[in-house]
Amino acid sequence: MRAVRLLIVVSLIGATARVEAETLRFVPQRFYNTYSAAHPPALHVKPGDRVVTKTIDAAGVDWDGKSVARGPNPQTGPFFIDGAEPGDLLVITIDRLETNRASAYSSSLLSPYTVDPTAIAARVDREAKRLTWTIDKAKGVVTLDQADVQPGGMTLPLHPMLGCVGVAPARGEAISTATPGAWGGNMDYAGMGAGATLMLPVNEQGALLFFGDGHARMGEGEVAGTGLETSMDVEFTVNLIKKKAAAWPRLENDTHIMVLGSARPLLEAFQHATTELQKWLMADYGYTERGAQAFMGQAAEYEIANVVDPNFTVVAKIRKTMLRRP
């Protein structure tokens, strides 16, 4: 790891403060399969710092094609965020996200929860086959050339995203990296790409931030049980909002504010996301309790992020152009 020091300008509620921040380059050599505060910090990061790092794929294969860890979803990190305390809100902006090898893999059958049981019983080809896709960054596409799967193959746009971004859970728990929850984790949301800003509640001193499970692209719902699993180059910036309550992960991009709720059954995940979105509208956008509910009834949008993980994930979202300005 080496660090490059630079100077950034931060706007602070009407005033402009000049603070020193660092760009930290970190190549991981050890990976973890649980979100836990018990793992030793890989790197200390200050609010405002930018980190340049890498992730390996969900099966533990790195950017050189070497198997360096076991699945599921081995994580890079944890990054200890200096000054982060329980009750704070960690703000992570994904500044850059790119695939760093020429191949990805995927499953090839729709997962049991995603189709009618009769459709599974009617399958002629039941063999679980792993497919290998070719990544062409210059053309911005991923290609499958297996005539036994689909004559003529298929080509889709490259759309890198991270399946996993999470912090250490509360109460000293160690939770599998296959699982999403209030700490973030394996949310598998197709919108978790470059330009997105994720907000996670801090549960432990230093937050302990993890990244992993990169996908060259993934359909919404992750209905085949995987995206196009591959390794990634990741650049992110961290900031901290002191004493800011949030019960579930919040996400923002150019067009929407979003909340990601995770649970089983799917209805409970929907309820978590809806409840937290109402709280956000009231706390930050000036809506009354009844006003937020009336507004959401006509403006809320929903996506299903995943229906294959130990917890399912639902995204509740509001288009920014429709928001009331406080």
C-alpha atoms as a PDB file:
ATOM      1  CA  MET A   1       0.000   0.000   0.000  1.00  0.00           C
ATOM      2  CA  ARG A   2       1.219   3.490  -0.789  1.00  0.00           C
ATOM      3  CA  ALA A   3      -0.492   6.810  -0.282  1.00  0.00           C
ATOM      4  CA  VAL A   4      -0.441   9.969  -2.377  1.00  0.00           C
ATOM      5  CA  ARG A   5      -1.320  13.180  -0.589  1.00  0.00           C
ATOM      6  CA  LEU A   6      -3.486  15.782  -2.320  1.00  0.00           C
ATOM      7  CA  LEU A   7      -5.501  18.860  -1.376  1.00  0.00           C
ATOM      8  CA  ILE A   8      -9.281  18.946  -1.671  1.00  0.00           C
ATOM      9  CA  VAL A   9     -11.905  21.601  -1.010  1.00  0.00           C
ATOM     10  CA  VAL A  10     -14.924  20.664   1.096  1.00  0.00           C
ATOM     11  CA  SER A  11     -18.085  22.797   1.322  1.00  0.00           C
ATOM     12  CA  LEU A  12     -19.390  22.955   4.883  1.00  0.00           C
ATOM     13  CA  ILE A  13     -22.852  24.527   5.176  1.00  0.00           C
ATOM     14  CA  GLY A  14     -22.221  27.872   3.603  1.00  0.00           C
ATOM     15  CA  ALA A  15     -18.490  27.999   4.316  1.00  0.00           C
ATOM     16  CA  THR A  16     -15.606  26.491   2.400  1.00  0.00           C
ATOM     17  CA  ALA A  17     -12.924  24.673   4.336  1.00  0.00           C
ATOM     18  CA  ARG A  18      -9.647  23.465   2.894  1.00  0.00           C
ATOM     19  CA  VAL A  19      -8.569  20.149   4.343  1.00  0.00           C
ATOM     20  CA  GLU A  20      -5.833  17.709   3.500  1.00  0.00           C
ATOM     21  CA  ALA A  21      -6.929  14.307   2.275  1.00  0.00           C
ATOM     22  CA  GLU A  22      -5.089  11.312   0.897  1.00  0.00           C
ATOM     23  CA  THR A  23      -5.427   8.965  -2.008  1.00  0.00           C
ATOM     24  CA  LEU A  24      -4.545   5.539  -0.630  1.00  0.00           C
ATOM     25  CA  ARG A  25      -3.600   2.651  -2.904  1.00  0.00           C
ATOM     26  CA  PHE A  26      -4.266  -0.732  -1.348  1.00  0.00           C
ATOM     27  CA  VAL A  27      -3.746  -4.156  -2.954  1.00  0.00           C
ATOM     28  CA  PRO A  28      -5.480  -6.770  -0.775  1.00  0.00           C
ATOM     29  CA  GLN A  29      -3.779 -10.041   0.120  1.00  0.00           C
ATOM     30  CA  ARG A  30      -6.254 -11.374   2.690  1.00  0.00           C
ATOM     31  CA  PHE A  31     -10.002 -11.724   2.276  1.00  0.00           C
ATOM     32  CA  TYR A  32     -12.943 -12.445   4.579  1.00  0.00           C
ATOM     33  CA  ASN A  33     -16.209 -14.382   4.293  1.00  0.00           C
ATOM     34  CA  THR A  34     -17.991 -12.690   7.190  1.00  0.00           C
ATOM     35  CA  TYR A  35     -18.887  -9.121   8.076  1.00  0.00           C
ATOM     36  CA  SER A  36     -17.442  -8.732  11.551  1.00  0.00           C
ATOM     37  CA  ALA A  37     -15.600  -6.269  13.755  1.00  0.00           C
ATOM     38  CA  ALA A  38     -13.363  -9.165  14.809  1.00  0.00           C
ATOM     39  CA  HIS A  39     -11.331  -8.907  11.590  1.00  0.00           C
ATOM     40  CA  PRO A  40      -8.220  -6.728  11.922  1.00  0.00           C
ATOM     41  CA  PRO A  41      -8.302  -3.464   9.960  1.00  0.00           C
ATOM     42  CA  ALA A  42      -6.571  -3.683   6.603  1.00  0.00           C
ATOM     43  CA  LEU A  43      -6.135   0.088   6.357  1.00  0.00           C
ATOM     44  CA  HIS A  44      -7.009   3.227   8.316  1.00  0.00           C
ATOM     45  CA  VAL A  45      -8.923   5.793   6.257  1.00  0.00           C
ATOM     46  CA  LYS A  46      -9.851   9.342   7.257  1.00  0.00           C
ATOM     47  CA  PRO A  47     -13.094  11.024   6.182  1.00  0.00           C
ATOM     48  CA  GLY A  48     -12.449  12.680   2.822  1.00  0.00           C
ATOM     49  CA  ASP A  49      -9.828  10.135   1.771  1.00  0.00           C
ATOM     50  CA  ARG A  50     -10.023   8.344  -1.558  1.00  0.00           C
ATOM     51  CA  VAL A  51      -9.082   4.651  -1.703  1.00  0.00           C
ATOM     52  CA  VAL A  52      -7.901   2.819  -4.825  1.00  0.00           C
ATOM     53  CA  THR A  53      -8.185  -0.933  -4.393  1.00  0.00           C
ATOM     54  CA  LYS A  54      -9.275  -4.250  -5.931  1.00  0.00           C
ATOM     55  CA  THR A  55     -11.804  -7.004  -5.313  1.00  0.00           C
ATOM     56  CA  ILE A  56     -11.720 -10.666  -6.282  1.00  0.00           C
ATOM     57  CA  ASP A  57     -14.679 -12.593  -7.655  1.00  0.00           C
ATOM     58  CA  ALA A  58     -17.369 -14.417  -5.689  1.00  0.00           C
ATOM     59  CA  ALA A  59     -15.487 -17.723  -5.930  1.00  0.00           C
ATOM     60  CA  GLY A  60     -12.155 -16.262  -4.775  1.00  0.00           C
ATOM     61  CA  VAL A  61     -10.368 -15.804  -8.126  1.00  0.00           C
ATOM     62  CA  ASP A  62      -8.296 -12.643  -8.558  1.00  0.00           C
ATOM     63  CA  TRP A  63      -7.437 -10.296 -11.433  1.00  0.00           C
ATOM     64  CA  ASP A  64      -4.640 -12.642 -12.599  1.00  0.00           C
ATOM     65  CA  GLY A  65      -6.948 -15.662 -12.742  1.00  0.00           C
ATOM     66  CA  LYS A  66      -5.484 -17.156  -9.553  1.00  0.00           C
ATOM     67  CA  SER A  67      -7.604 -18.744  -6.829  1.00  0.00           C
ATOM     68  CA  VAL A  68      -6.598 -16.834  -3.676  1.00  0.00           C
ATOM     69  CA  ALA A  69      -9.599 -17.284  -1.340  1.00  0.00           C
ATOM     70  CA  ARG A  70     -12.706 -19.374  -0.858  1.00  0.00           C
ATOM     71  CA  GLY A  71     -16.283 -18.344  -1.534  1.00  0.00           C
ATOM     72  CA  PRO A  72     -18.845 -17.107  -1.031  1.00  0.00           C
ATOM     73  CA  ASN A  73     -18.089 -13.490  -1.802  1.00  0.00           C
ATOM     74  CA  PRO A  74     -14.647 -13.020  -0.205  1.00  0.00           C
ATOM     75  CA  GLN A  75     -14.324  -9.385   0.812  1.00  0.00           C
ATOM     76  CA  THR A  76     -11.610  -6.751   0.516  1.00  0.00           C
ATOM     77  CA  GLY A  77     -11.081  -4.866   3.778  1.00  0.00           C
ATOM     78  CA  PRO A  78     -12.062  -4.084   6.395  1.00  0.00           C
ATOM     79  CA  PHE A  79     -11.247  -0.386   6.146  1.00  0.00           C
ATOM     80  CA  PHE A  80     -11.216   1.347   9.538  1.00  0.00           C
ATOM     81  CA  ILE A  81     -12.745   4.824   9.173  1.00  0.00           C
ATOM     82  CA  ASP A  82     -11.099   7.114  11.709  1.00  0.00           C
ATOM     83  CA  GLY A  83     -13.629   8.910  13.889  1.00  0.00           C
ATOM     84  CA  ALA A  84     -16.570   6.664  12.974  1.00  0.00           C
ATOM     85  CA  GLU A  85     -18.646   5.750  16.038  1.00  0.00           C
ATOM     86  CA  PRO A  86     -21.919   3.908  16.588  1.00  0.00           C
ATOM     87  CA  GLY A  87     -24.793   6.249  15.751  1.00  0.00           C
ATOM     88  CA  ASP A  88     -22.906   7.957  12.878  1.00  0.00           C
ATOM     89  CA  LEU A  89     -23.687   7.574   9.171  1.00  0.00           C
ATOM     90  CA  LEU A  90     -20.903   6.438   6.831  1.00  0.00           C
ATOM     91  CA  VAL A  91     -21.053   7.913   3.318  1.00  0.00           C
ATOM     92  CA  ILE A  92     -19.303   5.944   0.563  1.00  0.00           C
ATOM     93  CA  THR A  93     -19.108   7.304  -2.987  1.00  0.00           C
ATOM     94  CA  ILE A  94     -18.056   4.853  -5.715  1.00  0.00           C
ATOM     95  CA  ASP A  95     -15.881   7.120  -7.845  1.00  0.00           C
ATOM     96  CA  ARG A  96     -14.685   4.488 -10.322  1.00  0.00           C
ATOM     97  CA  LEU A  97     -15.546   0.840 -10.903  1.00  0.00           C
ATOM     98  CA  GLU A  98     -14.041  -1.231 -13.714  1.00  0.00           C
ATOM     99  CA  THR A  99     -13.502  -4.888 -14.516  1.00  0.00           C
ATOM    100  CA  ASN A 100      -9.810  -5.846 -14.457  1.00  0.00           C
ATOM    101  CA  ARG A 101      -9.725  -9.131 -16.351  1.00  0.00           C
ATOM    102  CA  ALA A 102     -11.145 -10.468 -19.606  1.00  0.00           C
ATOM    103  CA  SER A 103     -13.506 -13.127 -18.235  1.00  0.00           C
ATOM    104  CA  ALA A 104     -16.540 -13.563 -15.999  1.00  0.00           C
ATOM    105  CA  TYR A 105     -18.662 -16.543 -15.026  1.00  0.00           C
ATOM    106  CA  SER A 106     -22.358 -17.039 -14.389  1.00  0.00           C
ATOM    107  CA  SER A 107     -24.875 -19.735 -13.616  1.00  0.00           C
ATOM    108  CA  SER A 108     -27.339 -20.740 -16.336  1.00  0.00           C
ATOM    109  CA  LEU A 109     -30.565 -21.801 -14.604  1.00  0.00           C
ATOM    110  CA  LEU A 110     -33.271 -19.636 -13.067  1.00  0.00           C
ATOM    111  CA  SER A 111     -33.165 -19.993  -9.288  1.00  0.00           C
ATOM    112  CA  PRO A 112     -35.925 -21.952  -7.509  1.00  0.00           C
ATOM    113  CA  TYR A 113     -37.492 -18.900  -5.827  1.00  0.00           C
ATOM    114  CA  THR A 114     -37.877 -17.034  -9.117  1.00  0.00           C
ATOM    115  CA  VAL A 115     -40.206 -19.391 -11.041  1.00  0.00           C
ATOM    116  CA  ASP A 116     -43.262 -21.562 -10.505  1.00  0.00           C
ATOM    117  CA  PRO A 117     -42.446 -24.988  -9.032  1.00  0.00           C
ATOM    118  CA  THR A 118     -44.121 -26.571 -12.062  1.00  0.00           C
ATOM    119  CA  ALA A 119     -41.621 -24.785 -14.322  1.00  0.00           C
ATOM    120  CA  ILE A 120     -38.740 -26.422 -12.446  1.00  0.00           C
ATOM    121  CA  ALA A 121     -40.389 -29.831 -12.696  1.00  0.00           C
ATOM    122  CA  ALA A 122     -40.864 -29.351 -16.430  1.00  0.00           C
ATOM    123  CA  ARG A 123     -37.197 -28.661 -17.154  1.00  0.00           C
ATOM    124  CA  VAL A 124     -35.629 -30.944 -19.730  1.00  0.00           C
ATOM    125  CA  ASP A 125     -32.051 -29.807 -19.030  1.00  0.00           C
ATOM    126  CA  ARG A 126     -31.511 -29.747 -15.264  1.00  0.00           C
ATOM    127  CA  GLU A 127     -27.711 -29.780 -15.141  1.00  0.00           C
ATOM    128  CA  ALA A 128     -26.174 -26.853 -13.287  1.00  0.00           C
ATOM    129  CA  LYS A 129     -23.628 -25.475 -15.750  1.00  0.00           C
ATOM    130  CA  ARG A 130     -21.244 -22.607 -15.160  1.00  0.00           C
ATOM    131  CA  LEU A 131     -20.919 -20.342 -18.195  1.00  0.00           C
ATOM    132  CA  THR A 132     -17.811 -18.344 -19.133  1.00  0.00           C
ATOM    133  CA  TRP A 133     -18.288 -14.889 -20.639  1.00  0.00           C
ATOM    134  CA  THR A 134     -15.688 -12.724 -22.417  1.00  0.00           C
ATOM    135  CA  ILE A 135     -15.335  -9.101 -21.316  1.00  0.00           C
ATOM    136  CA  ASP A 136     -14.364  -6.569 -23.982  1.00  0.00           C
ATOM    137  CA  LYS A 137     -13.786  -3.251 -22.194  1.00  0.00           C
ATOM    138  CA  ALA A 138     -12.814  -1.468 -25.423  1.00  0.00           C
ATOM    139  CA  LYS A 139     -16.203  -2.257 -26.960  1.00  0.00           C
ATOM    140  CA  GLY A 140     -18.056  -2.081 -23.653  1.00  0.00           C
ATOM    141  CA  VAL A 141     -19.682  -5.494 -24.032  1.00  0.00           C
ATOM    142  CA  VAL A 142     -19.742  -9.001 -22.549  1.00  0.00           C
ATOM    143  CA  THR A 143     -20.154 -11.989 -24.858  1.00  0.00           C
ATOM    144  CA  LEU A 144     -21.183 -15.620 -24.424  1.00  0.00           C
ATOM    145  CA  ASP A 145     -19.971 -17.928 -27.191  1.00  0.00           C
ATOM    146  CA  GLN A 146     -21.405 -21.326 -26.304  1.00  0.00           C
ATOM    147  CA  ALA A 147     -23.565 -22.764 -29.064  1.00  0.00           C
ATOM    148  CA  ASP A 148     -24.823 -25.538 -26.760  1.00  0.00           C
ATOM    149  CA  VAL A 149     -26.404 -22.837 -24.573  1.00  0.00           C
ATOM    150  CA  GLN A 150     -27.648 -20.441 -27.252  1.00  0.00           C
ATOM    151  CA  PRO A 151     -26.958 -20.846 -31.004  1.00  0.00           C
ATOM    152  CA  GLY A 152     -25.313 -17.678 -32.243  1.00  0.00           C
ATOM    153  CA  GLY A 153     -24.298 -16.694 -28.701  1.00  0.00           C
ATOM    154  CA  MET A 154     -25.293 -13.448 -27.038  1.00  0.00           C
ATOM    155  CA  THR A 155     -23.741 -10.032 -26.438  1.00  0.00           C
ATOM    156  CA  LEU A 156     -24.822  -7.601 -23.726  1.00  0.00           C
ATOM    157  CA  PRO A 157     -23.620  -4.151 -22.588  1.00  0.00           C
ATOM    158  CA  LEU A 158     -20.920  -4.081 -19.911  1.00  0.00           C
ATOM    159  CA  HIS A 159     -22.344  -2.555 -16.699  1.00  0.00           C
ATOM    160  CA  PRO A 160     -20.005  -3.029 -13.698  1.00  0.00           C
ATOM    161  CA  MET A 161     -21.592  -3.106 -10.236  1.00  0.00           C
ATOM    162  CA  LEU A 162     -20.754  -4.353  -6.756  1.00  0.00           C
ATOM    163  CA  GLY A 163     -22.898  -7.041  -5.174  1.00  0.00           C
ATOM    164  CA  CYS A 164     -21.430  -6.415  -1.703  1.00  0.00           C
ATOM    165  CA  VAL A 165     -20.660  -3.257   0.248  1.00  0.00           C
ATOM    166  CA  GLY A 166     -21.049  -3.532   4.003  1.00  0.00           C
ATOM    167  CA  VAL A 167     -19.887  -2.597   7.471  1.00  0.00           C
ATOM    168  CA  ALA A 168     -19.493  -4.650  10.644  1.00  0.00           C
ATOM    169  CA  PRO A 169     -22.950  -5.524  12.024  1.00  0.00           C
ATOM    170  CA  ALA A 170     -24.173  -4.491  15.456  1.00  0.00           C
ATOM    171  CA  ARG A 171     -23.757  -6.450  18.700  1.00  0.00           C
ATOM    172  CA  GLY A 172     -20.458  -8.015  17.654  1.00  0.00           C
ATOM    173  CA  GLU A 173     -22.141 -10.370  15.202  1.00  0.00           C
ATOM    174  CA  ALA A 174     -20.269 -12.176  12.423  1.00  0.00           C
ATOM    175  CA  ILE A 175     -22.594 -12.599   9.432  1.00  0.00           C
ATOM    176  CA  SER A 176     -21.923 -14.451   6.180  1.00  0.00           C
ATOM    177  CA  THR A 177     -20.988 -12.368   3.147  1.00  0.00           C
ATOM    178  CA  ALA A 178     -23.813 -14.153   1.308  1.00  0.00           C
ATOM    179  CA  THR A 179     -26.332 -12.181   3.389  1.00  0.00           C
ATOM    180  CA  PRO A 180     -27.687  -8.610   3.110  1.00  0.00           C
ATOM    181  CA  GLY A 181     -29.140  -6.656   6.007  1.00  0.00           C
ATOM    182  CA  ALA A 182     -29.130  -3.361   7.884  1.00  0.00           C
ATOM    183  CA  TRP A 183     -25.297  -3.329   7.653  1.00  0.00           C
ATOM    184  CA  GLY A 184     -25.433  -3.468   3.836  1.00  0.00           C
ATOM    185  CA  GLY A 185     -23.704  -6.638   2.693  1.00  0.00           C
ATOM    186  CA  ASN A 186     -24.770  -8.821  -0.225  1.00  0.00           C
ATOM    187  CA  MET A 187     -27.579  -6.545  -1.441  1.00  0.00           C
ATOM    188  CA  ASP A 188     -26.925  -7.419  -5.105  1.00  0.00           C
ATOM    189  CA  TYR A 189     -28.452  -4.221  -6.437  1.00  0.00           C
ATOM    190  CA  ALA A 190     -27.718  -3.561 -10.113  1.00  0.00           C
ATOM    191  CA  GLY A 191     -27.539   0.190  -9.388  1.00  0.00           C
ATOM    192  CA  MET A 192     -24.498  -0.126  -7.087  1.00  0.00           C
ATOM    193  CA  GLY A 193     -22.092   1.222  -9.683  1.00  0.00           C
ATOM    194  CA  ALA A 194     -19.826   4.161 -10.394  1.00  0.00           C
ATOM    195  CA  GLY A 195     -21.363   7.466  -9.340  1.00  0.00           C
ATOM    196  CA  ALA A 196     -23.571   5.965  -6.634  1.00  0.00           C
ATOM    197  CA  THR A 197     -23.293   7.160  -3.037  1.00  0.00           C
ATOM    198  CA  LEU A 198     -24.146   4.620  -0.350  1.00  0.00           C
ATOM    199  CA  MET A 199     -24.938   5.578   3.250  1.00  0.00           C
ATOM    200  CA  LEU A 200     -24.572   2.917   5.953  1.00  0.00           C
ATOM    201  CA  PRO A 201     -25.248   3.122   9.699  1.00  0.00           C
ATOM    202  CA  VAL A 202     -22.111   2.744  11.818  1.00  0.00           C
ATOM    203  CA  ASN A 203     -22.429  -0.075  14.359  1.00  0.00           C
ATOM    204  CA  GLU A 204     -18.855  -0.493  15.609  1.00  0.00           C
ATOM    205  CA  GLN A 205     -15.901   1.792  16.251  1.00  0.00           C
ATOM    206  CA  GLY A 206     -14.306   2.567  12.878  1.00  0.00           C
ATOM    207  CA  ALA A 207     -17.307   1.166  10.960  1.00  0.00           C
ATOM    208  CA  LEU A 208     -15.120  -1.598   9.381  1.00  0.00           C
ATOM    209  CA  LEU A 209     -15.992  -1.264   5.699  1.00  0.00           C
ATOM    210  CA  PHE A 210     -15.897  -4.224   3.278  1.00  0.00           C
ATOM    211  CA  PHE A 211     -16.200  -4.529  -0.543  1.00  0.00           C
ATOM    212  CA  GLY A 212     -16.607  -7.507  -2.870  1.00  0.00           C
ATOM    213  CA  ASP A 213     -18.714  -9.608  -5.265  1.00  0.00           C
ATOM    214  CA  GLY A 214     -18.101  -7.583  -8.424  1.00  0.00           C
ATOM    215  CA  HIS A 215     -20.301  -8.173 -11.466  1.00  0.00           C
ATOM    216  CA  ALA A 216     -19.568  -7.196 -15.064  1.00  0.00           C
ATOM    217  CA  ARG A 217     -23.352  -6.834 -15.259  1.00  0.00           C
ATOM    218  CA  MET A 218     -26.416  -8.321 -13.592  1.00  0.00           C
ATOM    219  CA  GLY A 219     -30.126  -8.368 -14.300  1.00  0.00           C
ATOM    220  CA  GLU A 220     -32.440  -6.962 -11.627  1.00  0.00           C
ATOM    221  CA  GLY A 221     -33.480  -9.592  -9.103  1.00  0.00           C
ATOM    222  CA  GLU A 222     -30.367 -11.710  -9.770  1.00  0.00           C
ATOM    223  CA  VAL A 223     -32.840 -14.351 -10.950  1.00  0.00           C
ATOM    224  CA  ALA A 224     -30.179 -16.850 -12.119  1.00  0.00           C
ATOM    225  CA  GLY A 225     -28.434 -16.718  -8.749  1.00  0.00           C
ATOM    226  CA  THR A 226     -25.361 -14.840 -10.016  1.00  0.00           C
ATOM    227  CA  GLY A 227     -24.381 -11.829 -12.019  1.00  0.00           C
ATOM    228  CA  LEU A 228     -21.421 -12.025 -14.375  1.00  0.00           C
ATOM    229  CA  GLU A 229     -18.969 -12.702 -11.571  1.00  0.00           C
ATOM    230  CA  THR A 230     -15.531 -11.133 -11.961  1.00  0.00           C
ATOM    231  CA  SER A 231     -12.807  -9.105 -10.222  1.00  0.00           C
ATOM    232  CA  MET A 232     -12.806  -5.310 -10.084  1.00  0.00           C
ATOM    233  CA  ASP A 233     -10.729  -2.164  -9.755  1.00  0.00           C
ATOM    234  CA  VAL A 234     -12.527   0.038  -7.244  1.00  0.00           C
ATOM    235  CA  GLU A 235     -12.017   3.664  -6.281  1.00  0.00           C
ATOM    236  CA  PHE A 236     -14.145   5.120  -3.510  1.00  0.00           C
ATOM    237  CA  THR A 237     -14.295   8.144  -1.225  1.00  0.00           C
ATOM    238  CA  VAL A 238     -15.519   8.025   2.378  1.00  0.00           C
ATOM    239  CA  ASN A 239     -17.119  10.713   4.478  1.00  0.00           C
ATOM    240  CA  LEU A 240     -18.866  10.734   7.815  1.00  0.00           C
ATOM    241  CA  ILE A 241     -22.023  12.385   9.158  1.00  0.00           C
ATOM    242  CA  LYS A 242     -21.851  12.470  12.944  1.00  0.00           C
ATOM    243  CA  LYS A 243     -24.872  11.428  14.992  1.00  0.00           C
ATOM    244  CA  LYS A 244     -27.074  10.813  11.965  1.00  0.00           C
ATOM    245  CA  ALA A 245     -29.638   8.064  12.425  1.00  0.00           C
ATOM    246  CA  ALA A 246     -30.437   5.530   9.700  1.00  0.00           C
ATOM    247  CA  ALA A 247     -31.814   2.052  10.215  1.00  0.00           C
ATOM    248  CA  TRP A 248     -31.240   0.756   6.660  1.00  0.00           C
ATOM    249  CA  PRO A 249     -28.818   1.439   3.805  1.00  0.00           C
ATOM    250  CA  ARG A 250     -29.551   4.596   1.839  1.00  0.00           C
ATOM    251  CA  LEU A 251     -28.362   5.173  -1.722  1.00  0.00           C
ATOM    252  CA  GLU A 252     -28.270   8.218  -3.959  1.00  0.00           C
ATOM    253  CA  ASN A 253     -27.411   8.714  -7.628  1.00  0.00           C
ATOM    254  CA  ASP A 254     -28.010  11.442 -10.198  1.00  0.00           C
ATOM    255  CA  THR A 255     -31.714  10.693 -10.518  1.00  0.00           C
ATOM    256  CA  HIS A 256     -33.023   9.088  -7.296  1.00  0.00           C
ATOM    257  CA  ILE A 257     -32.782   8.723  -3.548  1.00  0.00           C
ATOM    258  CA  MET A 258     -33.224   5.095  -2.465  1.00  0.00           C
ATOM    259  CA  VAL A 259     -33.454   2.800   0.536  1.00  0.00           C
ATOM    260  CA  LEU A 260     -32.496  -0.882   0.434  1.00  0.00           C
ATOM    261  CA  GLY A 261     -34.436  -3.125   2.796  1.00  0.00           C
ATOM    262  CA  SER A 262     -33.491  -6.797   3.218  1.00  0.00           C
ATOM    263  CA  ALA A 263     -35.408  -9.643   4.862  1.00  0.00           C
ATOM    264  CA  ARG A 264     -37.482 -12.739   4.253  1.00  0.00           C
ATOM    265  CA  PRO A 265     -40.253 -12.820   3.223  1.00  0.00           C
ATOM    266  CA  LEU A 266     -40.068 -10.320   0.370  1.00  0.00           C
ATOM    267  CA  LEU A 267     -42.932  -8.338   1.910  1.00  0.00           C
ATOM    268  CA  GLU A 268     -40.844  -7.631   5.014  1.00  0.00           C
ATOM    269  CA  ALA A 269     -37.988  -6.303   2.877  1.00  0.00           C
ATOM    270  CA  PHE A 270     -40.526  -4.067   1.116  1.00  0.00           C
ATOM    271  CA  GLN A 271     -41.768  -2.806   4.495  1.00  0.00           C
ATOM    272  CA  HIS A 272     -38.254  -2.028   5.776  1.00  0.00           C
ATOM    273  CA  ALA A 273     -37.431  -0.029   2.632  1.00  0.00           C
ATOM    274  CA  THR A 274     -40.723   1.876   2.692  1.00  0.00           C
ATOM    275  CA  THR A 275     -40.496   2.726   6.396  1.00  0.00           C
ATOM    276  CA  GLU A 276     -36.926   4.040   6.118  1.00  0.00           C
ATOM    277  CA  LEU A 277     -37.737   6.088   3.017  1.00  0.00           C
ATOM    278  CA  GLN A 278     -40.567   7.835   4.893  1.00  0.00           C
ATOM    279  CA  LYS A 279     -38.189   8.632   7.775  1.00  0.00           C
ATOM    280  CA  TRP A 280     -35.621  10.047   5.332  1.00  0.00           C
ATOM    281  CA  LEU A 281     -38.198  12.313   3.666  1.00  0.00           C
ATOM    282  CA  MET A 282     -39.270  13.654   7.052  1.00  0.00           C
ATOM    283  CA  ALA A 283     -35.744  14.128   8.434  1.00  0.00           C
ATOM    284  CA  ASP A 284     -34.029  15.714   5.428  1.00  0.00           C
ATOM    285  CA  TYR A 285     -36.661  16.995   3.004  1.00  0.00           C
ATOM    286  CA  GLY A 286     -39.155  18.807   5.212  1.00  0.00           C
ATOM    287  CA  TYR A 287     -42.124  16.489   4.837  1.00  0.00           C
ATOM    288  CA  THR A 288     -44.593  16.068   7.678  1.00  0.00           C
ATOM    289  CA  GLU A 289     -45.537  12.572   8.779  1.00  0.00           C
ATOM    290  CA  ARG A 290     -48.770  12.585   6.812  1.00  0.00           C
ATOM    291  CA  GLY A 291     -47.234  14.603   3.984  1.00  0.00           C
ATOM    292  CA  ALA A 292     -44.491  12.040   3.448  1.00  0.00           C
ATOM    293  CA  GLN A 293     -47.037   9.236   3.314  1.00  0.00           C
ATOM    294  CA  ALA A 294     -49.294  11.089   0.885  1.00  0.00           C
ATOM    295  CA  PHE A 295     -46.321  11.930  -1.328  1.00  0.00           C
ATOM    296  CA  MET A 296     -44.954   8.380  -1.340  1.00  0.00           C
ATOM    297  CA  GLY A 297     -48.375   7.033  -2.284  1.00  0.00           C
ATOM    298  CA  GLN A 298     -48.099   8.870  -5.607  1.00  0.00           C
ATOM    299  CA  ALA A 299     -44.334   9.159  -6.191  1.00  0.00           C
ATOM    300  CA  ALA A 300     -42.631   6.027  -4.823  1.00  0.00           C
ATOM    301  CA  GLU A 301     -40.945   3.578  -7.181  1.00  0.00           C
ATOM    302  CA  TYR A 302     -39.722   0.071  -6.342  1.00  0.00           C
ATOM    303  CA  GLU A 303     -37.171  -2.414  -7.633  1.00  0.00           C
ATOM    304  CA  ILE A 304     -36.402  -5.967  -6.578  1.00  0.00           C
ATOM    305  CA  ALA A 305     -32.639  -6.194  -6.129  1.00  0.00           C
ATOM    306  CA  ASN A 306     -32.363  -9.901  -5.297  1.00  0.00           C
ATOM    307  CA  VAL A 307     -34.585 -12.891  -4.551  1.00  0.00           C
ATOM    308  CA  VAL A 308     -31.824 -15.488  -4.189  1.00  0.00           C
ATOM    309  CA  ASP A 309     -29.784 -14.525  -1.109  1.00  0.00           C
ATOM    310  CA  PRO A 310     -30.541 -15.638   2.485  1.00  0.00           C
ATOM    311  CA  ASN A 311     -32.400 -12.315   2.741  1.00  0.00           C
ATOM    312  CA  PHE A 312     -34.206 -10.771  -0.231  1.00  0.00           C
ATOM    313  CA  THR A 313     -33.642  -7.069  -1.035  1.00  0.00           C
ATOM    314  CA  VAL A 314     -36.164  -4.442  -2.150  1.00  0.00           C
ATOM    315  CA  VAL A 315     -35.281  -0.895  -3.250  1.00  0.00           C
ATOM    316  CA  ALA A 316     -37.731   1.937  -2.475  1.00  0.00           C
ATOM    317  CA  LYS A 317     -36.919   5.073  -4.449  1.00  0.00           C
ATOM    318  CA  ILE A 318     -38.029   8.624  -5.192  1.00  0.00           C
ATOM    319  CA  ARG A 319     -37.103  10.571  -8.299  1.00  0.00           C
ATOM    320  CA  LYS A 320     -35.155  13.700  -7.308  1.00  0.00           C
ATOM    321  CA  THR A 321     -37.104  15.957  -9.660  1.00  0.00           C
ATOM    322  CA  MET A 322     -40.229  15.218  -7.601  1.00  0.00           C
ATOM    323  CA  LEU A 323     -38.737  15.989  -4.188  1.00  0.00           C
ATOM    324  CA  ARG A 324     -39.896  18.895  -2.068  1.00  0.00           C
ATOM    325  CA  ARG A 325     -37.038  21.218  -1.206  1.00  0.00           C
ATOM    326  CA  PRO A 326     -36.814  22.003   2.533  1.00  0.00           C
END
